[in-house]
Amino acid sequence: MWVHFNLPCGREVQHRLHSVFRHRIANWEKKRLANGAVLTFHYRNHSSDSLYVCLNLPRVKEPNERETRLTGEAIEQIPLEIMSALKQICSDNDVELVIKDYEFALRKQKARSESEGKSYYRGAPVKEILHFASVGTKIALKILDMVEAGEEYWASDKDLATYITSQLQDELGRGYFWLPEASHFVCNPLLLSEPYLWTLAQSATSTKALEFLRKRVAS
């Protein structure tokens, strides 16, 4: 099941931990402890600033009675390597770890938004949200890895934007209805503006985003 590890912390700590978890996630997926991830920044509202580390953990079974906070039995099924790492990282950074049922929380948020007459990811079913969110995250982390390794080959932001859109289309299909929503989960980990991405993909050229990414990964 999808488990949401919520790490309440400010912007600076989120940036530091994002890099840590990016590498951890790659290792956990290689060991088949996790099968998909969503890794996103949240720091626009100081009262709820937090880094979302959401993992699809095959060993954790959905509880019969689901709640937003994950139950003790489900927590016990989280692989020890992942649980120990989360606890240690949170302890080292003075962060309180909150563990949630990610899919159930999305269902509640979707129901709440729609009851208020608001669209939630343009009506996407929760299973579909989980799918395009994990695909977007995979593309974003791949890009950060390429920049870190010096293997990126984009000469301009337009090249990067074109690469992102082509990767999304390859993974989800050229006519995929929720392609713009999926792009959010690429742009968020890269700290890119979504409108900026789509504008670049159509016309303009620049190197500001690339320069920012290189500096960020190098720091």
C-alpha atoms as a PDB file:
ATOM      1  CA  MET A   1       0.000   0.000   0.000  1.00  0.00           C
ATOM      2  CA  TRP A   2       0.954   3.652  -0.315  1.00  0.00           C
ATOM      3  CA  VAL A   3       2.411   5.012   2.928  1.00  0.00           C
ATOM      4  CA  HIS A   4       2.836   8.751   3.465  1.00  0.00           C
ATOM      5  CA  PHE A   5       5.744   9.740   5.700  1.00  0.00           C
ATOM      6  CA  ASN A   6       5.037  13.370   6.532  1.00  0.00           C
ATOM      7  CA  LEU A   7       8.041  15.368   7.757  1.00  0.00           C
ATOM      8  CA  PRO A   8       6.957  18.782   9.112  1.00  0.00           C
ATOM      9  CA  CYS A   9       9.875  21.162   8.588  1.00  0.00           C
ATOM     10  CA  GLY A  10      10.864  24.432   6.946  1.00  0.00           C
ATOM     11  CA  ARG A  11      12.158  25.106   3.470  1.00  0.00           C
ATOM     12  CA  GLU A  12      15.880  24.767   4.209  1.00  0.00           C
ATOM     13  CA  VAL A  13      15.471  21.408   5.939  1.00  0.00           C
ATOM     14  CA  GLN A  14      13.152  20.167   3.197  1.00  0.00           C
ATOM     15  CA  HIS A  15      15.774  20.909   0.561  1.00  0.00           C
ATOM     16  CA  ARG A  16      18.441  19.064   2.517  1.00  0.00           C
ATOM     17  CA  LEU A  17      16.239  16.036   3.197  1.00  0.00           C
ATOM     18  CA  HIS A  18      14.933  15.882  -0.356  1.00  0.00           C
ATOM     19  CA  SER A  19      18.429  15.075  -1.584  1.00  0.00           C
ATOM     20  CA  VAL A  20      18.848  12.466   1.151  1.00  0.00           C
ATOM     21  CA  PHE A  21      15.589  10.711   0.297  1.00  0.00           C
ATOM     22  CA  ARG A  22      16.186  10.886  -3.441  1.00  0.00           C
ATOM     23  CA  HIS A  23      19.179   8.594  -3.011  1.00  0.00           C
ATOM     24  CA  ARG A  24      17.490   6.415  -0.386  1.00  0.00           C
ATOM     25  CA  ILE A  25      14.471   5.841  -2.613  1.00  0.00           C
ATOM     26  CA  ALA A  26      16.651   4.668  -5.495  1.00  0.00           C
ATOM     27  CA  ASN A  27      18.293   2.146  -3.154  1.00  0.00           C
ATOM     28  CA  TRP A  28      14.984   0.949  -1.677  1.00  0.00           C
ATOM     29  CA  GLU A  29      13.511   0.440  -5.125  1.00  0.00           C
ATOM     30  CA  LYS A  30      16.604  -1.467  -6.220  1.00  0.00           C
ATOM     31  CA  LYS A  31      16.101  -3.774  -3.224  1.00  0.00           C
ATOM     32  CA  ARG A  32      12.371  -4.030  -4.054  1.00  0.00           C
ATOM     33  CA  LEU A  33      11.409  -2.657  -0.674  1.00  0.00           C
ATOM     34  CA  ALA A  34       9.471   0.099  -2.463  1.00  0.00           C
ATOM     35  CA  ASN A  35       7.728   0.144  -5.817  1.00  0.00           C
ATOM     36  CA  GLY A  36       7.137   3.781  -6.647  1.00  0.00           C
ATOM     37  CA  ALA A  37       7.464   7.066  -4.775  1.00  0.00           C
ATOM     38  CA  VAL A  38       6.072  10.583  -4.549  1.00  0.00           C
ATOM     39  CA  LEU A  39       8.508  13.151  -3.140  1.00  0.00           C
ATOM     40  CA  THR A  40       7.188  16.711  -2.920  1.00  0.00           C
ATOM     41  CA  PHE A  41       7.945  20.031  -1.236  1.00  0.00           C
ATOM     42  CA  HIS A  42       5.308  21.941   0.737  1.00  0.00           C
ATOM     43  CA  TYR A  43       6.347  25.274   2.209  1.00  0.00           C
ATOM     44  CA  ARG A  44       3.857  27.945   1.221  1.00  0.00           C
ATOM     45  CA  ASN A  45       2.019  27.851   4.539  1.00  0.00           C
ATOM     46  CA  HIS A  46       4.320  27.974   7.568  1.00  0.00           C
ATOM     47  CA  SER A  47       1.762  26.196   9.764  1.00  0.00           C
ATOM     48  CA  SER A  48       1.799  23.130   7.501  1.00  0.00           C
ATOM     49  CA  ASP A  49       5.217  23.210   5.848  1.00  0.00           C
ATOM     50  CA  SER A  50       6.415  19.659   5.308  1.00  0.00           C
ATOM     51  CA  LEU A  51       8.252  17.300   3.004  1.00  0.00           C
ATOM     52  CA  TYR A  52       6.071  14.487   1.682  1.00  0.00           C
ATOM     53  CA  VAL A  53       7.858  11.156   1.342  1.00  0.00           C
ATOM     54  CA  CYS A  54       5.248   8.744  -0.020  1.00  0.00           C
ATOM     55  CA  LEU A  55       6.235   5.177  -0.833  1.00  0.00           C
ATOM     56  CA  ASN A  56       4.394   2.272  -2.381  1.00  0.00           C
ATOM     57  CA  LEU A  57       5.390  -0.548  -0.002  1.00  0.00           C
ATOM     58  CA  PRO A  58       4.328  -4.000  -1.277  1.00  0.00           C
ATOM     59  CA  ARG A  59       4.909  -5.634   2.118  1.00  0.00           C
ATOM     60  CA  VAL A  60       2.391  -3.383   3.869  1.00  0.00           C
ATOM     61  CA  LYS A  61      -1.186  -4.632   3.587  1.00  0.00           C
ATOM     62  CA  GLU A  62      -4.160  -2.290   3.619  1.00  0.00           C
ATOM     63  CA  PRO A  63      -5.916  -2.458   7.018  1.00  0.00           C
ATOM     64  CA  ASN A  64      -9.568  -3.497   7.101  1.00  0.00           C
ATOM     65  CA  GLU A  65     -10.530  -0.257   8.810  1.00  0.00           C
ATOM     66  CA  ARG A  66      -8.698   2.655   7.248  1.00  0.00           C
ATOM     67  CA  GLU A  67      -7.883   5.970   8.874  1.00  0.00           C
ATOM     68  CA  THR A  68      -5.716   8.920   7.893  1.00  0.00           C
ATOM     69  CA  ARG A  69      -3.099   7.990  10.497  1.00  0.00           C
ATOM     70  CA  LEU A  70      -1.633   4.581   9.810  1.00  0.00           C
ATOM     71  CA  THR A  71      -2.472   1.923  12.399  1.00  0.00           C
ATOM     72  CA  GLY A  72       0.099   0.127  14.521  1.00  0.00           C
ATOM     73  CA  GLU A  73      -0.287  -3.186  12.692  1.00  0.00           C
ATOM     74  CA  ALA A  74       0.376  -1.587   9.304  1.00  0.00           C
ATOM     75  CA  ILE A  75       3.342   0.361  10.685  1.00  0.00           C
ATOM     76  CA  GLU A  76       4.848  -2.895  11.934  1.00  0.00           C
ATOM     77  CA  GLN A  77       4.809  -4.202   8.343  1.00  0.00           C
ATOM     78  CA  ILE A  78       6.983  -1.352   7.049  1.00  0.00           C
ATOM     79  CA  PRO A  79      10.402  -2.810   6.135  1.00  0.00           C
ATOM     80  CA  LEU A  80      12.831  -2.320   9.023  1.00  0.00           C
ATOM     81  CA  GLU A  81      15.461  -0.707   6.790  1.00  0.00           C
ATOM     82  CA  ILE A  82      13.017   2.007   5.719  1.00  0.00           C
ATOM     83  CA  MET A  83      11.543   2.577   9.178  1.00  0.00           C
ATOM     84  CA  SER A  84      14.964   2.774  10.825  1.00  0.00           C
ATOM     85  CA  ALA A  85      16.226   5.218   8.209  1.00  0.00           C
ATOM     86  CA  LEU A  86      13.173   7.466   8.593  1.00  0.00           C
ATOM     87  CA  LYS A  87      13.484   7.539  12.369  1.00  0.00           C
ATOM     88  CA  GLN A  88      17.228   8.270  12.251  1.00  0.00           C
ATOM     89  CA  ILE A  89      16.903  11.026   9.647  1.00  0.00           C
ATOM     90  CA  CYS A  90      14.066  12.653  11.578  1.00  0.00           C
ATOM     91  CA  SER A  91      15.998  12.415  14.827  1.00  0.00           C
ATOM     92  CA  ASP A  92      19.133  13.924  13.269  1.00  0.00           C
ATOM     93  CA  ASN A  93      17.125  16.851  11.877  1.00  0.00           C
ATOM     94  CA  ASP A  94      14.774  17.391  14.825  1.00  0.00           C
ATOM     95  CA  VAL A  95      11.712  16.496  12.740  1.00  0.00           C
ATOM     96  CA  GLU A  96       8.596  14.776  14.088  1.00  0.00           C
ATOM     97  CA  LEU A  97       7.627  11.854  11.846  1.00  0.00           C
ATOM     98  CA  VAL A  98       3.918  11.463  11.033  1.00  0.00           C
ATOM     99  CA  ILE A  99       2.859   8.301   9.182  1.00  0.00           C
ATOM    100  CA  LYS A 100      -0.346   8.291   7.138  1.00  0.00           C
ATOM    101  CA  ASP A 101      -2.358   6.150   4.746  1.00  0.00           C
ATOM    102  CA  TYR A 102      -1.610   8.098   1.558  1.00  0.00           C
ATOM    103  CA  GLU A 103      -4.420   6.702  -0.592  1.00  0.00           C
ATOM    104  CA  PHE A 104      -7.030   7.142   2.144  1.00  0.00           C
ATOM    105  CA  ALA A 105      -5.850  10.721   2.773  1.00  0.00           C
ATOM    106  CA  LEU A 106      -6.154  11.496  -0.941  1.00  0.00           C
ATOM    107  CA  ARG A 107      -9.693  10.093  -0.963  1.00  0.00           C
ATOM    108  CA  LYS A 108     -10.658  12.322   1.954  1.00  0.00           C
ATOM    109  CA  GLN A 109      -9.120  15.399   0.346  1.00  0.00           C
ATOM    110  CA  LYS A 110     -10.797  14.649  -2.979  1.00  0.00           C
ATOM    111  CA  ALA A 111     -14.194  14.215  -1.278  1.00  0.00           C
ATOM    112  CA  ARG A 112     -13.723  17.426   0.717  1.00  0.00           C
ATOM    113  CA  SER A 113     -12.749  19.455  -2.345  1.00  0.00           C
ATOM    114  CA  GLU A 114     -15.596  18.128  -4.459  1.00  0.00           C
ATOM    115  CA  SER A 115     -18.127  18.749  -1.668  1.00  0.00           C
ATOM    116  CA  GLU A 116     -17.023  22.402  -1.815  1.00  0.00           C
ATOM    117  CA  GLY A 117     -17.503  22.472  -5.577  1.00  0.00           C
ATOM    118  CA  LYS A 118     -13.770  22.444  -6.302  1.00  0.00           C
ATOM    119  CA  SER A 119     -12.077  20.241  -8.867  1.00  0.00           C
ATOM    120  CA  TYR A 120      -9.424  17.905  -7.460  1.00  0.00           C
ATOM    121  CA  TYR A 121      -6.854  17.094 -10.146  1.00  0.00           C
ATOM    122  CA  ARG A 122      -9.624  17.607 -12.708  1.00  0.00           C
ATOM    123  CA  GLY A 123     -11.673  14.731 -11.348  1.00  0.00           C
ATOM    124  CA  ALA A 124      -8.961  12.085 -11.599  1.00  0.00           C
ATOM    125  CA  PRO A 125      -9.702   8.873  -9.665  1.00  0.00           C
ATOM    126  CA  VAL A 126      -7.396   8.413  -6.677  1.00  0.00           C
ATOM    127  CA  LYS A 127      -5.718   5.368  -8.238  1.00  0.00           C
ATOM    128  CA  GLU A 128      -4.943   7.481 -11.288  1.00  0.00           C
ATOM    129  CA  ILE A 129      -3.534  10.287  -9.110  1.00  0.00           C
ATOM    130  CA  LEU A 130      -1.187   7.788  -7.486  1.00  0.00           C
ATOM    131  CA  HIS A 131      -0.146   6.569 -10.926  1.00  0.00           C
ATOM    132  CA  PHE A 132       0.670   9.915 -12.534  1.00  0.00           C
ATOM    133  CA  ALA A 133       2.173  11.291  -9.308  1.00  0.00           C
ATOM    134  CA  SER A 134       4.659   8.415  -9.092  1.00  0.00           C
ATOM    135  CA  VAL A 135       5.467   8.657 -12.813  1.00  0.00           C
ATOM    136  CA  GLY A 136       6.100  12.403 -12.504  1.00  0.00           C
ATOM    137  CA  THR A 137       8.298  11.866  -9.453  1.00  0.00           C
ATOM    138  CA  LYS A 138      10.304   9.166 -11.248  1.00  0.00           C
ATOM    139  CA  ILE A 139      11.037  11.561 -14.114  1.00  0.00           C
ATOM    140  CA  ALA A 140      12.014  14.395 -11.739  1.00  0.00           C
ATOM    141  CA  LEU A 141      14.397  12.220  -9.731  1.00  0.00           C
ATOM    142  CA  LYS A 142      15.922  10.876 -12.932  1.00  0.00           C
ATOM    143  CA  ILE A 143      16.615  14.447 -14.064  1.00  0.00           C
ATOM    144  CA  LEU A 144      18.216  15.358 -10.717  1.00  0.00           C
ATOM    145  CA  ASP A 145      20.379  12.227 -10.905  1.00  0.00           C
ATOM    146  CA  MET A 146      21.483  13.148 -14.451  1.00  0.00           C
ATOM    147  CA  VAL A 147      22.405  16.680 -13.383  1.00  0.00           C
ATOM    148  CA  GLU A 148      24.297  15.372 -10.352  1.00  0.00           C
ATOM    149  CA  ALA A 149      26.240  12.892 -12.479  1.00  0.00           C
ATOM    150  CA  GLY A 150      26.981  15.479 -15.156  1.00  0.00           C
ATOM    151  CA  GLU A 151      25.132  13.354 -17.711  1.00  0.00           C
ATOM    152  CA  GLU A 152      22.458  15.886 -18.635  1.00  0.00           C
ATOM    153  CA  TYR A 153      22.610  17.026 -22.233  1.00  0.00           C
ATOM    154  CA  TRP A 154      20.206  19.977 -22.344  1.00  0.00           C
ATOM    155  CA  ALA A 155      21.609  23.183 -23.796  1.00  0.00           C
ATOM    156  CA  SER A 156      18.680  25.345 -22.723  1.00  0.00           C
ATOM    157  CA  ASP A 157      15.571  25.359 -20.568  1.00  0.00           C
ATOM    158  CA  LYS A 158      13.560  24.714 -23.737  1.00  0.00           C
ATOM    159  CA  ASP A 159      15.512  21.479 -24.243  1.00  0.00           C
ATOM    160  CA  LEU A 160      14.787  20.496 -20.641  1.00  0.00           C
ATOM    161  CA  ALA A 161      11.082  21.330 -21.002  1.00  0.00           C
ATOM    162  CA  THR A 162      10.865  19.324 -24.220  1.00  0.00           C
ATOM    163  CA  TYR A 163      12.600  16.412 -22.513  1.00  0.00           C
ATOM    164  CA  ILE A 164      10.132  16.498 -19.611  1.00  0.00           C
ATOM    165  CA  THR A 165       7.057  16.595 -21.827  1.00  0.00           C
ATOM    166  CA  SER A 166       8.389  13.802 -24.046  1.00  0.00           C
ATOM    167  CA  GLN A 167       9.157  11.654 -20.989  1.00  0.00           C
ATOM    168  CA  LEU A 168       5.620  12.215 -19.661  1.00  0.00           C
ATOM    169  CA  GLN A 169       4.131  11.313 -23.035  1.00  0.00           C
ATOM    170  CA  ASP A 170       6.295   8.198 -23.297  1.00  0.00           C
ATOM    171  CA  GLU A 171       5.260   7.041 -19.820  1.00  0.00           C
ATOM    172  CA  LEU A 172       1.585   8.030 -19.858  1.00  0.00           C
ATOM    173  CA  GLY A 173       0.644   8.339 -23.527  1.00  0.00           C
ATOM    174  CA  ARG A 174       0.576  11.330 -25.849  1.00  0.00           C
ATOM    175  CA  GLY A 175      -3.163  11.856 -25.402  1.00  0.00           C
ATOM    176  CA  TYR A 176      -3.204  11.252 -21.642  1.00  0.00           C
ATOM    177  CA  PHE A 177      -5.933  13.448 -20.148  1.00  0.00           C
ATOM    178  CA  TRP A 178      -4.115  14.285 -16.897  1.00  0.00           C
ATOM    179  CA  LEU A 179      -0.763  15.158 -18.484  1.00  0.00           C
ATOM    180  CA  PRO A 180      -0.774  18.714 -17.007  1.00  0.00           C
ATOM    181  CA  GLU A 181      -1.491  17.296 -13.532  1.00  0.00           C
ATOM    182  CA  ALA A 182       1.324  14.768 -13.934  1.00  0.00           C
ATOM    183  CA  SER A 183       3.694  17.619 -14.796  1.00  0.00           C
ATOM    184  CA  HIS A 184       3.135  19.050 -11.303  1.00  0.00           C
ATOM    185  CA  PHE A 185       4.949  16.054  -9.823  1.00  0.00           C
ATOM    186  CA  VAL A 186       7.895  16.663 -12.142  1.00  0.00           C
ATOM    187  CA  CYS A 187       8.042  20.404 -11.544  1.00  0.00           C
ATOM    188  CA  ASN A 188       7.634  20.318  -7.747  1.00  0.00           C
ATOM    189  CA  PRO A 189      10.800  18.267  -6.987  1.00  0.00           C
ATOM    190  CA  LEU A 190      12.719  20.340  -9.540  1.00  0.00           C
ATOM    191  CA  LEU A 191      11.326  23.600  -8.102  1.00  0.00           C
ATOM    192  CA  LEU A 192      10.184  24.652 -11.569  1.00  0.00           C
ATOM    193  CA  SER A 193       7.103  26.709 -12.375  1.00  0.00           C
ATOM    194  CA  GLU A 194       4.561  24.604 -14.287  1.00  0.00           C
ATOM    195  CA  PRO A 195       3.417  27.500 -16.544  1.00  0.00           C
ATOM    196  CA  TYR A 196       7.107  28.237 -17.217  1.00  0.00           C
ATOM    197  CA  LEU A 197       7.654  24.626 -18.252  1.00  0.00           C
ATOM    198  CA  TRP A 198       4.763  24.575 -20.713  1.00  0.00           C
ATOM    199  CA  THR A 199       5.668  27.992 -22.142  1.00  0.00           C
ATOM    200  CA  LEU A 200       9.226  26.840 -22.754  1.00  0.00           C
ATOM    201  CA  ALA A 201       8.068  23.630 -24.382  1.00  0.00           C
ATOM    202  CA  GLN A 202       6.167  25.729 -26.925  1.00  0.00           C
ATOM    203  CA  SER A 203       8.532  28.576 -27.752  1.00  0.00           C
ATOM    204  CA  ALA A 204      10.959  30.480 -25.525  1.00  0.00           C
ATOM    205  CA  THR A 205      14.567  29.611 -24.749  1.00  0.00           C
ATOM    206  CA  SER A 206      16.488  30.344 -21.566  1.00  0.00           C
ATOM    207  CA  THR A 207      19.099  28.794 -19.275  1.00  0.00           C
ATOM    208  CA  LYS A 208      17.888  30.102 -15.911  1.00  0.00           C
ATOM    209  CA  ALA A 209      16.244  26.842 -14.815  1.00  0.00           C
ATOM    210  CA  LEU A 210      19.235  24.743 -15.850  1.00  0.00           C
ATOM    211  CA  GLU A 211      21.646  27.028 -14.025  1.00  0.00           C
ATOM    212  CA  PHE A 212      19.443  26.812 -10.933  1.00  0.00           C
ATOM    213  CA  LEU A 213      19.305  23.008 -11.076  1.00  0.00           C
ATOM    214  CA  ARG A 214      23.067  22.704 -11.429  1.00  0.00           C
ATOM    215  CA  LYS A 215      23.720  25.010  -8.491  1.00  0.00           C
ATOM    216  CA  ARG A 216      21.138  23.249  -6.363  1.00  0.00           C
ATOM    217  CA  VAL A 217      22.537  19.760  -6.970  1.00  0.00           C
ATOM    218  CA  ALA A 218      26.099  20.983  -6.432  1.00  0.00           C
ATOM    219  CA  SER A 219      25.305  22.583  -3.076  1.00  0.00           C
END
